[in-house]
Amino acid sequence: MFAQVAGTWKTIDDDTNEAKSYVQLSESNGSLSGKIVKLLKSAPDRKCDNCPDARKGQPLMNMVIIENMKLKDGFYQDGKILDPEKGKWYTCKMWLKEGDSNVLVVRGYIGMFYRTQYWYRVQ
């Protein structure tokens, strides 16, 4: 089932609606994780100035921003996603858009509030 979302996805900037980065999703030991593999709007050596923990000041390239997603009830959930711009971790839920396996719905939560993004499969 992980094979359905494994691969590279193009993220879209919430503010400008422009392509922002490529994130590679992969499965290991029964959980899904994702890392940035290409920056489309900024320099490839850009660092994460706002990141928490050991990621602060580290390059965005190859940074793991999605951790511990598990497939449960048809959704990838129970993991977390990092917004490097804001430097915050969010609870995460992901699923393929109904009728279009090339669109991944990514929803980050803080409490009852959430933000939804649509990521597009890179062919």
Protein backbone atom coordinates (compact mmCIF):
# COMPACT_ATOMS: atom_id res chain seq x y z
CA MET A 1 0.00 0.00 0.00
CA PHE A 2 2.93 2.36 0.66
CA ALA A 3 3.88 1.89 -2.99
CA GLN A 4 0.87 4.01 -3.94
CA VAL A 5 2.44 7.15 -2.45
CA ALA A 6 6.13 6.26 -2.55
CA GLY A 7 8.01 8.45 -5.00
CA THR A 8 8.63 12.11 -5.62
CA TRP A 9 5.99 14.81 -5.14
CA LYS A 10 5.99 18.50 -6.11
CA THR A 11 4.91 20.83 -3.32
CA ILE A 12 3.13 24.14 -3.91
CA ASP A 13 3.73 27.40 -2.00
CA ASP A 14 0.57 28.39 -0.08
CA ASP A 15 1.13 32.12 -0.65
CA THR A 16 2.26 32.28 -4.29
CA ASN A 17 0.70 29.05 -5.62
CA GLU A 18 4.03 28.32 -7.34
CA ALA A 19 5.95 25.04 -7.29
CA LYS A 20 8.23 25.12 -4.25
CA SER A 21 10.11 21.83 -3.83
CA TYR A 22 10.20 18.13 -4.50
CA VAL A 23 9.69 15.77 -1.56
CA GLN A 24 10.59 12.10 -1.86
CA LEU A 25 8.35 9.74 0.11
CA SER A 26 9.67 6.30 1.01
CA GLU A 27 8.76 3.40 3.26
CA SER A 28 11.04 1.88 5.85
CA ASN A 29 10.16 -0.52 8.66
CA GLY A 30 6.43 -0.08 8.15
CA SER A 31 6.34 3.71 8.22
CA LEU A 32 6.46 6.43 5.59
CA SER A 33 8.91 9.31 5.69
CA GLY A 34 9.72 12.15 3.35
CA LYS A 35 12.70 14.34 2.60
CA ILE A 36 13.29 17.39 0.44
CA VAL A 37 15.22 16.37 -2.69
CA LYS A 38 14.97 19.54 -4.78
CA LEU A 39 14.33 23.23 -4.08
CA LEU A 40 12.56 25.06 -6.90
CA LYS A 41 12.25 28.59 -5.49
CA SER A 42 15.40 29.04 -3.44
CA ALA A 43 19.12 28.37 -3.56
CA PRO A 44 20.06 24.68 -3.26
CA ASP A 45 22.31 25.46 -0.29
CA ARG A 46 19.56 27.22 1.69
CA LYS A 47 19.59 26.49 5.41
CA CYS A 48 16.68 26.03 7.78
CA ASP A 49 16.91 29.13 9.95
CA ASN A 50 13.60 28.58 11.76
CA CYS A 51 13.82 24.83 12.27
CA PRO A 52 13.60 23.41 15.78
CA ASP A 53 15.96 20.84 17.28
CA ALA A 54 19.10 19.65 15.47
CA ARG A 55 17.69 20.77 12.10
CA LYS A 56 18.28 24.44 12.91
CA GLY A 57 20.90 25.85 10.54
CA GLN A 58 21.04 22.64 8.52
CA PRO A 59 20.58 22.52 4.73
CA LEU A 60 17.02 22.01 3.52
CA MET A 61 18.24 19.65 0.82
CA ASN A 62 17.81 16.04 1.99
CA MET A 63 16.17 17.19 5.23
CA VAL A 64 13.55 14.76 6.55
CA ILE A 65 10.33 16.75 6.98
CA ILE A 66 7.83 13.87 7.25
CA GLU A 67 8.23 11.19 9.91
CA ASN A 68 6.50 8.03 11.14
CA MET A 69 3.41 8.03 8.91
CA LYS A 70 1.46 4.78 9.25
CA LEU A 71 -1.26 3.44 6.98
CA LYS A 72 -4.46 3.18 9.01
CA ASP A 73 -8.10 3.23 7.90
CA GLY A 74 -7.12 4.21 4.35
CA PHE A 75 -5.05 7.23 5.41
CA TYR A 76 -1.38 7.76 6.18
CA GLN A 77 -1.47 9.20 9.69
CA ASP A 78 -0.07 9.23 13.24
CA GLY A 79 3.11 10.89 11.98
CA LYS A 80 4.25 14.48 11.73
CA ILE A 81 5.32 17.03 9.14
CA LEU A 82 7.72 19.95 9.50
CA ASP A 83 7.07 23.35 7.95
CA PRO A 84 10.65 24.65 7.60
CA GLU A 85 9.40 28.20 6.87
CA LYS A 86 7.64 28.45 10.23
CA GLY A 87 9.90 26.02 12.07
CA LYS A 88 6.95 24.04 13.42
CA TRP A 89 5.97 20.39 13.51
CA TYR A 90 2.37 19.46 12.79
CA THR A 91 0.43 16.24 13.20
CA CYS A 92 -0.08 14.95 9.68
CA LYS A 93 -2.59 12.99 7.65
CA MET A 94 -2.20 12.15 3.93
CA TRP A 95 -4.22 10.38 1.29
CA LEU A 96 -4.49 10.13 -2.47
CA LYS A 97 -7.16 12.36 -3.95
CA GLU A 98 -10.23 10.33 -4.87
CA GLY A 99 -10.13 9.59 -8.58
CA ASP A 100 -6.60 10.97 -9.12
CA SER A 101 -3.64 8.94 -7.86
CA ASN A 102 -1.28 11.72 -9.02
CA VAL A 103 -2.53 14.16 -6.37
CA LEU A 104 -1.62 13.68 -2.72
CA VAL A 105 -3.71 15.51 -0.12
CA VAL A 106 -1.45 16.55 2.78
CA ARG A 107 -3.08 17.95 5.92
CA GLY A 108 -1.17 19.34 8.89
CA TYR A 109 -2.92 19.81 12.24
CA ILE A 110 -2.36 21.79 15.41
CA GLY A 111 -5.19 20.90 17.74
CA MET A 112 -8.46 21.35 15.84
CA PHE A 113 -6.94 23.71 13.27
CA TYR A 114 -5.50 22.40 10.03
CA ARG A 115 -4.05 23.43 6.69
CA THR A 116 -4.43 21.32 3.55
CA GLN A 117 -2.03 21.22 0.62
CA TYR A 118 -2.14 19.34 -2.65
CA TRP A 119 1.10 17.76 -3.86
CA TYR A 120 1.56 16.51 -7.40
CA ARG A 121 3.35 13.34 -8.45
CA VAL A 122 6.57 13.95 -10.39
CA GLN A 123 6.57 11.57 -13.37
